Structure formats: C-alpha cells, structure tokens
Amino acid sequence: MYKKSLLAALVLAVAPQISSAHAHVGTSSPAKDAVVKTTPSNVTLTLTEGLEAAFSSLTLVDTSGKVVPTGKSALAPGDNKTLVLPIGKDLPAGAYTVKWQALSKDGHKTQGSWSFTVQP
C-alpha cells in the first residue's frame, strides 16, 4: 500500500511538468485571421515557455508561398517568450502566413503558422 501511495504521489508531482513541457502559442499580433488596414510594423508571437533564440524564428510568406523579405526575427528585449519579426516596409494588400518554429529552454521543438490579411 505504501509503495502505491508513493508512486501515485510521484506521478502527480511529475504530471504538471510533463504537460507544460512544450512551448504553446499564447498570443500573436496580428491575431490569427485578423484583417488589418495597414501593414503592421512587426509581427509578434508570444509562447508559454522561454525560448532558445538561436533556434526560434518567424518567417512571413505570401499567398504564392514566397518568403517576404523582412528584418530578422529575434526575441523581444527582456522577454525570452516573445519572438518579433520586423516588417520594415508596406505590404501589398493580400493574405499572409506567419510560419514559426521554436525551441523551448527545456529542449522541446514546436512549430506552427497563422494567417492575417492586409486590406486597403
């Protein structure tokens, strides 16, 4: 009985660490499926875990799948959970996809994408 109780306590203590081990999307700007009237100065993605800067990035892609030239993505100053991609120029009207990849401080890699539209 004692061994079962000890095992149950150990599982309960470790379970929260397992469930939060990967970086998940917290917020993005522009938001998923947003329609904006002007080009944002940058695109941001905040994740739930601290990130390894060298292995985490954002890329902007147009509807033809072509990478849009932008500044280089980086962690926001003083915030190791937020990636920032400077746009640096006005984008033509249309739909854009932000592709991201992240390596959290605990060594787990995640990736994803979201889209927004620039409408004149």
C-alpha atoms as a PDB file:
ATOM      1  CA  MET A   1       0.000   0.000   0.000  1.00  0.00           C
ATOM      2  CA  TYR A   2       2.820   2.405   0.900  1.00  0.00           C
ATOM      3  CA  LYS A   3       4.551   1.795  -2.454  1.00  0.00           C
ATOM      4  CA  LYS A   4       1.321   2.528  -4.383  1.00  0.00           C
ATOM      5  CA  SER A   5       0.804   5.777  -2.462  1.00  0.00           C
ATOM      6  CA  LEU A   6       4.386   6.824  -3.077  1.00  0.00           C
ATOM      7  CA  LEU A   7       4.075   6.014  -6.782  1.00  0.00           C
ATOM      8  CA  ALA A   8       0.806   7.971  -7.050  1.00  0.00           C
ATOM      9  CA  ALA A   9       2.371  10.992  -5.335  1.00  0.00           C
ATOM     10  CA  LEU A  10       5.361  10.824  -7.683  1.00  0.00           C
ATOM     11  CA  VAL A  11       3.136  10.676 -10.764  1.00  0.00           C
ATOM     12  CA  LEU A  12       1.094  13.657  -9.557  1.00  0.00           C
ATOM     13  CA  ALA A  13       4.248  15.656  -8.864  1.00  0.00           C
ATOM     14  CA  VAL A  14       5.707  14.993 -12.323  1.00  0.00           C
ATOM     15  CA  ALA A  15       2.491  15.290 -14.389  1.00  0.00           C
ATOM     16  CA  PRO A  16       2.302  19.116 -14.389  1.00  0.00           C
ATOM     17  CA  GLN A  17       5.897  19.280 -15.645  1.00  0.00           C
ATOM     18  CA  ILE A  18       5.137  16.856 -18.453  1.00  0.00           C
ATOM     19  CA  SER A  19       2.014  18.702 -19.593  1.00  0.00           C
ATOM     20  CA  SER A  20       3.764  22.075 -19.699  1.00  0.00           C
ATOM     21  CA  ALA A  21       6.996  20.857 -21.278  1.00  0.00           C
ATOM     22  CA  HIS A  22       6.323  22.220 -24.774  1.00  0.00           C
ATOM     23  CA  ALA A  23       6.038  25.859 -25.771  1.00  0.00           C
ATOM     24  CA  HIS A  24       2.475  26.612 -26.873  1.00  0.00           C
ATOM     25  CA  VAL A  25       1.089  29.728 -28.506  1.00  0.00           C
ATOM     26  CA  GLY A  26      -0.023  32.361 -26.037  1.00  0.00           C
ATOM     27  CA  THR A  27      -0.753  35.383 -28.241  1.00  0.00           C
ATOM     28  CA  SER A  28       0.097  36.678 -31.691  1.00  0.00           C
ATOM     29  CA  SER A  29      -0.040  40.056 -33.357  1.00  0.00           C
ATOM     30  CA  PRO A  30      -1.683  40.445 -35.739  1.00  0.00           C
ATOM     31  CA  ALA A  31      -4.027  37.838 -34.313  1.00  0.00           C
ATOM     32  CA  LYS A  32      -4.909  34.666 -36.194  1.00  0.00           C
ATOM     33  CA  ASP A  33      -7.219  35.506 -39.145  1.00  0.00           C
ATOM     34  CA  ALA A  34      -7.058  39.246 -38.386  1.00  0.00           C
ATOM     35  CA  VAL A  35      -7.797  41.773 -41.124  1.00  0.00           C
ATOM     36  CA  VAL A  36      -5.612  44.873 -40.798  1.00  0.00           C
ATOM     37  CA  LYS A  37      -5.951  48.117 -42.752  1.00  0.00           C
ATOM     38  CA  THR A  38      -2.248  48.979 -42.635  1.00  0.00           C
ATOM     39  CA  THR A  39       0.930  46.934 -42.572  1.00  0.00           C
ATOM     40  CA  PRO A  40       1.982  46.194 -39.001  1.00  0.00           C
ATOM     41  CA  SER A  41       5.458  47.454 -38.118  1.00  0.00           C
ATOM     42  CA  ASN A  42       6.240  43.967 -36.852  1.00  0.00           C
ATOM     43  CA  VAL A  43       4.716  40.577 -36.236  1.00  0.00           C
ATOM     44  CA  THR A  44       4.945  39.068 -32.751  1.00  0.00           C
ATOM     45  CA  LEU A  45       4.366  35.661 -31.252  1.00  0.00           C
ATOM     46  CA  THR A  46       4.379  35.005 -27.514  1.00  0.00           C
ATOM     47  CA  LEU A  47       4.751  31.412 -26.368  1.00  0.00           C
ATOM     48  CA  THR A  48       4.203  29.843 -22.962  1.00  0.00           C
ATOM     49  CA  GLU A  49       7.830  28.826 -22.360  1.00  0.00           C
ATOM     50  CA  GLY A  50      11.205  30.559 -22.529  1.00  0.00           C
ATOM     51  CA  LEU A  51      12.886  30.113 -25.925  1.00  0.00           C
ATOM     52  CA  GLU A  52      16.362  29.432 -27.269  1.00  0.00           C
ATOM     53  CA  ALA A  53      16.930  32.432 -29.566  1.00  0.00           C
ATOM     54  CA  ALA A  54      19.292  30.685 -31.975  1.00  0.00           C
ATOM     55  CA  PHE A  55      16.702  28.000 -32.802  1.00  0.00           C
ATOM     56  CA  SER A  56      13.474  30.028 -32.762  1.00  0.00           C
ATOM     57  CA  SER A  57      12.205  32.153 -35.647  1.00  0.00           C
ATOM     58  CA  LEU A  58       9.322  33.728 -37.557  1.00  0.00           C
ATOM     59  CA  THR A  59       9.021  33.854 -41.363  1.00  0.00           C
ATOM     60  CA  LEU A  60       6.440  35.771 -43.408  1.00  0.00           C
ATOM     61  CA  VAL A  61       5.082  34.095 -46.558  1.00  0.00           C
ATOM     62  CA  ASP A  62       2.724  35.469 -49.220  1.00  0.00           C
ATOM     63  CA  THR A  63      -0.157  33.606 -50.913  1.00  0.00           C
ATOM     64  CA  SER A  64       2.145  32.144 -53.576  1.00  0.00           C
ATOM     65  CA  GLY A  65       4.318  30.591 -50.872  1.00  0.00           C
ATOM     66  CA  LYS A  66       7.166  33.033 -51.464  1.00  0.00           C
ATOM     67  CA  VAL A  67       9.073  34.293 -48.415  1.00  0.00           C
ATOM     68  CA  VAL A  68       8.510  38.015 -47.952  1.00  0.00           C
ATOM     69  CA  PRO A  69      11.759  39.939 -47.299  1.00  0.00           C
ATOM     70  CA  THR A  70      11.707  41.321 -43.748  1.00  0.00           C
ATOM     71  CA  GLY A  71      14.103  42.053 -40.954  1.00  0.00           C
ATOM     72  CA  LYS A  72      15.474  39.117 -38.965  1.00  0.00           C
ATOM     73  CA  SER A  73      13.267  37.693 -36.234  1.00  0.00           C
ATOM     74  CA  ALA A  74      14.614  37.798 -32.682  1.00  0.00           C
ATOM     75  CA  LEU A  75      13.499  37.589 -29.088  1.00  0.00           C
ATOM     76  CA  ALA A  76      11.934  40.759 -27.736  1.00  0.00           C
ATOM     77  CA  PRO A  77      14.329  42.639 -25.454  1.00  0.00           C
ATOM     78  CA  GLY A  78      13.934  41.390 -21.898  1.00  0.00           C
ATOM     79  CA  ASP A  79      11.309  38.784 -22.889  1.00  0.00           C
ATOM     80  CA  ASN A  80      12.529  35.291 -23.741  1.00  0.00           C
ATOM     81  CA  LYS A  81       8.999  34.099 -24.596  1.00  0.00           C
ATOM     82  CA  THR A  82       8.223  36.592 -27.397  1.00  0.00           C
ATOM     83  CA  LEU A  83       9.547  36.485 -30.956  1.00  0.00           C
ATOM     84  CA  VAL A  84       9.451  39.678 -33.034  1.00  0.00           C
ATOM     85  CA  LEU A  85       9.692  39.906 -36.829  1.00  0.00           C
ATOM     86  CA  PRO A  86      10.206  43.483 -38.101  1.00  0.00           C
ATOM     87  CA  ILE A  87       8.335  44.072 -41.381  1.00  0.00           C
ATOM     88  CA  GLY A  88      10.142  47.238 -42.424  1.00  0.00           C
ATOM     89  CA  LYS A  89       8.003  48.123 -45.473  1.00  0.00           C
ATOM     90  CA  ASP A  90       4.398  48.384 -46.591  1.00  0.00           C
ATOM     91  CA  LEU A  91       2.943  45.076 -47.715  1.00  0.00           C
ATOM     92  CA  PRO A  92       0.658  44.876 -50.735  1.00  0.00           C
ATOM     93  CA  ALA A  93      -2.963  44.044 -49.930  1.00  0.00           C
ATOM     94  CA  GLY A  94      -3.461  40.316 -49.554  1.00  0.00           C
ATOM     95  CA  ALA A  95      -3.214  37.344 -47.253  1.00  0.00           C
ATOM     96  CA  TYR A  96      -0.005  36.463 -45.425  1.00  0.00           C
ATOM     97  CA  THR A  97       1.057  33.468 -43.390  1.00  0.00           C
ATOM     98  CA  VAL A  98       3.476  33.637 -40.490  1.00  0.00           C
ATOM     99  CA  LYS A  99       5.406  30.394 -40.048  1.00  0.00           C
ATOM    100  CA  TRP A 100       7.164  29.835 -36.756  1.00  0.00           C
ATOM    101  CA  GLN A 101       9.459  27.370 -35.117  1.00  0.00           C
ATOM    102  CA  ALA A 102      10.617  27.422 -31.542  1.00  0.00           C
ATOM    103  CA  LEU A 103      12.958  25.529 -29.307  1.00  0.00           C
ATOM    104  CA  SER A 104      11.987  25.932 -25.675  1.00  0.00           C
ATOM    105  CA  LYS A 105      14.613  26.185 -22.956  1.00  0.00           C
ATOM    106  CA  ASP A 106      13.783  22.627 -21.895  1.00  0.00           C
ATOM    107  CA  GLY A 107      14.767  21.311 -25.354  1.00  0.00           C
ATOM    108  CA  HIS A 108      11.344  20.728 -26.937  1.00  0.00           C
ATOM    109  CA  LYS A 109      10.810  21.897 -30.514  1.00  0.00           C
ATOM    110  CA  THR A 110       7.424  23.159 -31.718  1.00  0.00           C
ATOM    111  CA  GLN A 111       6.230  24.862 -34.868  1.00  0.00           C
ATOM    112  CA  GLY A 112       3.111  26.228 -36.475  1.00  0.00           C
ATOM    113  CA  SER A 113       1.624  29.018 -38.500  1.00  0.00           C
ATOM    114  CA  TRP A 114      -1.183  31.549 -38.608  1.00  0.00           C
ATOM    115  CA  SER A 115      -2.521  33.919 -41.229  1.00  0.00           C
ATOM    116  CA  PHE A 116      -3.653  37.529 -41.421  1.00  0.00           C
ATOM    117  CA  THR A 117      -4.824  39.778 -44.241  1.00  0.00           C
ATOM    118  CA  VAL A 118      -3.767  43.304 -45.191  1.00  0.00           C
ATOM    119  CA  GLN A 119      -6.786  45.043 -46.647  1.00  0.00           C
ATOM    120  CA  PRO A 120      -6.618  48.521 -48.233  1.00  0.00           C
END
